[in-house]
Amino acid sequence: MSNWTAETLYVGQLRTQATHVYSQSVIETDAPLDNHGLAQRFSPTDLVATALGSCMMTLMGIVANREGWVLDGTKILIQKHMAADPRRISGVDVEITFVDGIYDAHKRAVLENTARTCPVAKSLHPDLIQNVTFLYPEV
């Protein structure tokens, strides 16, 4: 088995096809409308922003499983902000909406710290603004 994580192929027309080596699952990317693309797939920068939300959710899920908490139905919305000169992601808005469940102060603190300290959040450049909002159900 290879130690590589992914194999990415340029398929033309500003598109790539990335294959996860272990599972063989595939992600296709397209350049965004504002950078010569058709925006018919996630752009590479969309994937970075989306990876942040997915990492937060995954780590919160690990903690929830360990503690016996249920996060099923929790939703994350992501909005990416781009800057120019150099072109880069300048910020990501993350809105996490929890559904059913009792979210006391302890549980909220644990989940929020877990999200904010996930590996992707800690891997992004400190200049990239991570604006994270947590929305809990009314009790």
C-alpha atoms as a PDB file:
ATOM      1  CA  MET A   1       0.000   0.000   0.000  1.00  0.00           C
ATOM      2  CA  SER A   2       1.218   3.464  -0.886  1.00  0.00           C
ATOM      3  CA  ASN A   3       1.873   6.167   1.686  1.00  0.00           C
ATOM      4  CA  TRP A   4       0.430   8.807  -0.645  1.00  0.00           C
ATOM      5  CA  THR A   5      -2.854  10.426   0.397  1.00  0.00           C
ATOM      6  CA  ALA A   6      -4.167  11.341  -3.031  1.00  0.00           C
ATOM      7  CA  GLU A   7      -3.413  11.255  -6.725  1.00  0.00           C
ATOM      8  CA  THR A   8      -4.592  14.293  -8.690  1.00  0.00           C
ATOM      9  CA  LEU A   9      -4.986  14.343 -12.448  1.00  0.00           C
ATOM     10  CA  TYR A  10      -5.429  17.465 -14.561  1.00  0.00           C
ATOM     11  CA  VAL A  11      -8.273  16.545 -16.933  1.00  0.00           C
ATOM     12  CA  GLY A  12      -8.306  19.818 -18.928  1.00  0.00           C
ATOM     13  CA  GLN A  13     -10.648  22.792 -18.993  1.00  0.00           C
ATOM     14  CA  LEU A  14      -9.286  23.979 -15.589  1.00  0.00           C
ATOM     15  CA  ARG A  15     -10.552  20.808 -13.898  1.00  0.00           C
ATOM     16  CA  THR A  16      -8.837  18.205 -11.756  1.00  0.00           C
ATOM     17  CA  GLN A  17      -9.803  14.789 -10.504  1.00  0.00           C
ATOM     18  CA  ALA A  18      -8.356  13.780  -7.143  1.00  0.00           C
ATOM     19  CA  THR A  19      -8.520  10.148  -6.064  1.00  0.00           C
ATOM     20  CA  HIS A  20      -8.117   9.183  -2.427  1.00  0.00           C
ATOM     21  CA  VAL A  21      -5.522   6.420  -2.621  1.00  0.00           C
ATOM     22  CA  TYR A  22      -6.858   4.260   0.219  1.00  0.00           C
ATOM     23  CA  SER A  23     -10.590   4.340  -0.627  1.00  0.00           C
ATOM     24  CA  GLN A  24     -10.482   5.265  -4.312  1.00  0.00           C
ATOM     25  CA  SER A  25     -13.194   7.907  -3.729  1.00  0.00           C
ATOM     26  CA  VAL A  26     -12.992  10.805  -6.179  1.00  0.00           C
ATOM     27  CA  ILE A  27     -13.336  14.573  -5.883  1.00  0.00           C
ATOM     28  CA  GLU A  28     -13.459  16.761  -8.978  1.00  0.00           C
ATOM     29  CA  THR A  29     -12.570  20.449  -8.910  1.00  0.00           C
ATOM     30  CA  ASP A  30     -13.252  23.325 -11.271  1.00  0.00           C
ATOM     31  CA  ALA A  31     -11.856  26.828 -11.343  1.00  0.00           C
ATOM     32  CA  PRO A  32     -14.263  29.422  -9.901  1.00  0.00           C
ATOM     33  CA  LEU A  33     -16.188  31.897 -12.060  1.00  0.00           C
ATOM     34  CA  ASP A  34     -14.006  34.785 -10.902  1.00  0.00           C
ATOM     35  CA  ASN A  35     -10.845  32.951 -11.994  1.00  0.00           C
ATOM     36  CA  HIS A  36     -11.598  31.728 -15.535  1.00  0.00           C
ATOM     37  CA  GLY A  37     -13.638  28.664 -14.535  1.00  0.00           C
ATOM     38  CA  LEU A  38     -17.195  27.430 -14.837  1.00  0.00           C
ATOM     39  CA  ALA A  39     -17.783  26.825 -11.101  1.00  0.00           C
ATOM     40  CA  GLN A  40     -19.460  23.510 -11.842  1.00  0.00           C
ATOM     41  CA  ARG A  41     -17.564  21.768  -9.048  1.00  0.00           C
ATOM     42  CA  PHE A  42     -15.878  22.799  -5.818  1.00  0.00           C
ATOM     43  CA  SER A  43     -12.836  24.971  -6.502  1.00  0.00           C
ATOM     44  CA  PRO A  44      -9.602  24.095  -4.693  1.00  0.00           C
ATOM     45  CA  THR A  45     -10.130  27.049  -2.338  1.00  0.00           C
ATOM     46  CA  ASP A  46     -13.736  25.908  -1.745  1.00  0.00           C
ATOM     47  CA  LEU A  47     -12.290  22.573  -0.636  1.00  0.00           C
ATOM     48  CA  VAL A  48      -9.958  24.291   1.841  1.00  0.00           C
ATOM     49  CA  ALA A  49     -12.868  26.208   3.374  1.00  0.00           C
ATOM     50  CA  THR A  50     -15.064  23.109   3.332  1.00  0.00           C
ATOM     51  CA  ALA A  51     -12.287  21.049   4.905  1.00  0.00           C
ATOM     52  CA  LEU A  52     -12.315  23.447   7.849  1.00  0.00           C
ATOM     53  CA  GLY A  53     -16.013  22.798   8.499  1.00  0.00           C
ATOM     54  CA  SER A  54     -15.692  19.062   7.909  1.00  0.00           C
ATOM     55  CA  CYS A  55     -12.744  18.847  10.287  1.00  0.00           C
ATOM     56  CA  MET A  56     -14.640  20.765  12.967  1.00  0.00           C
ATOM     57  CA  MET A  57     -17.647  18.475  12.577  1.00  0.00           C
ATOM     58  CA  THR A  58     -15.549  15.307  12.589  1.00  0.00           C
ATOM     59  CA  LEU A  59     -13.696  16.245  15.767  1.00  0.00           C
ATOM     60  CA  MET A  60     -16.911  17.315  17.510  1.00  0.00           C
ATOM     61  CA  GLY A  61     -18.368  13.953  16.453  1.00  0.00           C
ATOM     62  CA  ILE A  62     -15.431  12.097  18.002  1.00  0.00           C
ATOM     63  CA  VAL A  63     -15.928  13.960  21.280  1.00  0.00           C
ATOM     64  CA  ALA A  64     -19.698  13.474  21.148  1.00  0.00           C
ATOM     65  CA  ASN A  65     -19.301   9.717  20.585  1.00  0.00           C
ATOM     66  CA  ARG A  66     -16.872   9.481  23.491  1.00  0.00           C
ATOM     67  CA  GLU A  67     -19.218  11.420  25.809  1.00  0.00           C
ATOM     68  CA  GLY A  68     -22.441   9.771  24.630  1.00  0.00           C
ATOM     69  CA  TRP A  69     -23.794  12.988  23.108  1.00  0.00           C
ATOM     70  CA  VAL A  70     -25.827  12.971  19.885  1.00  0.00           C
ATOM     71  CA  LEU A  71     -24.873  15.438  17.141  1.00  0.00           C
ATOM     72  CA  ASP A  72     -26.904  13.855  14.333  1.00  0.00           C
ATOM     73  CA  GLY A  73     -28.458  16.591  12.202  1.00  0.00           C
ATOM     74  CA  THR A  74     -25.922  19.261  13.183  1.00  0.00           C
ATOM     75  CA  LYS A  75     -25.251  21.433  10.139  1.00  0.00           C
ATOM     76  CA  ILE A  76     -22.355  23.657   9.133  1.00  0.00           C
ATOM     77  CA  LEU A  77     -22.589  26.473   6.594  1.00  0.00           C
ATOM     78  CA  ILE A  78     -19.347  27.785   5.092  1.00  0.00           C
ATOM     79  CA  GLN A  79     -18.665  31.083   3.356  1.00  0.00           C
ATOM     80  CA  LYS A  80     -15.230  31.701   1.900  1.00  0.00           C
ATOM     81  CA  HIS A  81     -13.808  35.202   1.394  1.00  0.00           C
ATOM     82  CA  MET A  82     -11.099  35.805  -1.193  1.00  0.00           C
ATOM     83  CA  ALA A  83      -8.494  38.557  -1.335  1.00  0.00           C
ATOM     84  CA  ALA A  84      -6.240  39.673  -4.174  1.00  0.00           C
ATOM     85  CA  ASP A  85      -2.552  40.525  -4.516  1.00  0.00           C
ATOM     86  CA  PRO A  86      -1.767  37.792  -3.774  1.00  0.00           C
ATOM     87  CA  ARG A  87      -4.945  35.865  -4.522  1.00  0.00           C
ATOM     88  CA  ARG A  88      -5.738  33.870  -1.404  1.00  0.00           C
ATOM     89  CA  ILE A  89      -8.444  32.923   1.070  1.00  0.00           C
ATOM     90  CA  SER A  90      -8.622  35.842   3.496  1.00  0.00           C
ATOM     91  CA  GLY A  91     -11.386  34.511   5.695  1.00  0.00           C
ATOM     92  CA  VAL A  92     -13.913  31.779   6.279  1.00  0.00           C
ATOM     93  CA  ASP A  93     -17.258  32.198   8.014  1.00  0.00           C
ATOM     94  CA  VAL A  94     -18.435  29.018   9.713  1.00  0.00           C
ATOM     95  CA  GLU A  95     -21.946  28.754  11.135  1.00  0.00           C
ATOM     96  CA  ILE A  96     -22.615  25.611  13.153  1.00  0.00           C
ATOM     97  CA  THR A  97     -26.280  24.876  13.925  1.00  0.00           C
ATOM     98  CA  PHE A  98     -26.990  22.212  16.507  1.00  0.00           C
ATOM     99  CA  VAL A  99     -30.379  20.497  16.681  1.00  0.00           C
ATOM    100  CA  ASP A 100     -32.025  18.439  19.413  1.00  0.00           C
ATOM    101  CA  GLY A 101     -30.272  18.025  22.707  1.00  0.00           C
ATOM    102  CA  ILE A 102     -29.448  19.769  25.933  1.00  0.00           C
ATOM    103  CA  TYR A 103     -26.418  21.998  25.458  1.00  0.00           C
ATOM    104  CA  ASP A 104     -25.403  23.201  28.912  1.00  0.00           C
ATOM    105  CA  ALA A 105     -22.414  25.496  29.464  1.00  0.00           C
ATOM    106  CA  HIS A 106     -19.978  22.571  29.858  1.00  0.00           C
ATOM    107  CA  LYS A 107     -21.076  20.802  26.683  1.00  0.00           C
ATOM    108  CA  ARG A 108     -20.972  24.076  24.721  1.00  0.00           C
ATOM    109  CA  ALA A 109     -17.464  24.882  25.953  1.00  0.00           C
ATOM    110  CA  VAL A 110     -16.187  21.418  25.039  1.00  0.00           C
ATOM    111  CA  LEU A 111     -17.752  21.436  21.554  1.00  0.00           C
ATOM    112  CA  GLU A 112     -16.655  24.998  20.777  1.00  0.00           C
ATOM    113  CA  ASN A 113     -13.076  24.397  21.892  1.00  0.00           C
ATOM    114  CA  THR A 114     -12.983  21.155  19.917  1.00  0.00           C
ATOM    115  CA  ALA A 115     -14.165  22.908  16.749  1.00  0.00           C
ATOM    116  CA  ARG A 116     -11.798  25.870  17.087  1.00  0.00           C
ATOM    117  CA  THR A 117      -8.771  23.626  17.689  1.00  0.00           C
ATOM    118  CA  CYS A 118      -9.327  21.012  14.984  1.00  0.00           C
ATOM    119  CA  PRO A 119      -6.242  20.146  12.889  1.00  0.00           C
ATOM    120  CA  VAL A 120      -7.381  22.118   9.833  1.00  0.00           C
ATOM    121  CA  ALA A 121      -8.109  25.228  11.926  1.00  0.00           C
ATOM    122  CA  LYS A 122      -4.636  24.962  13.438  1.00  0.00           C
ATOM    123  CA  SER A 123      -3.015  24.353  10.026  1.00  0.00           C
ATOM    124  CA  LEU A 124      -4.370  27.447   8.294  1.00  0.00           C
ATOM    125  CA  HIS A 125      -2.262  30.619   8.217  1.00  0.00           C
ATOM    126  CA  PRO A 126      -2.925  32.870  11.216  1.00  0.00           C
ATOM    127  CA  ASP A 127      -3.791  35.762   8.856  1.00  0.00           C
ATOM    128  CA  LEU A 128      -6.798  33.780   7.588  1.00  0.00           C
ATOM    129  CA  ILE A 129      -9.745  34.998   9.660  1.00  0.00           C
ATOM    130  CA  GLN A 130     -11.881  32.152  11.025  1.00  0.00           C
ATOM    131  CA  ASN A 131     -15.218  33.606  12.080  1.00  0.00           C
ATOM    132  CA  VAL A 132     -17.058  30.763  13.823  1.00  0.00           C
ATOM    133  CA  THR A 133     -20.643  31.076  15.106  1.00  0.00           C
ATOM    134  CA  PHE A 134     -22.366  28.399  17.201  1.00  0.00           C
ATOM    135  CA  LEU A 135     -26.187  28.268  17.175  1.00  0.00           C
ATOM    136  CA  TYR A 136     -27.961  26.123  19.743  1.00  0.00           C
ATOM    137  CA  PRO A 137     -31.632  25.076  19.946  1.00  0.00           C
ATOM    138  CA  GLU A 138     -33.925  26.993  22.268  1.00  0.00           C
ATOM    139  CA  VAL A 139     -34.479  25.203  25.557  1.00  0.00           C
END
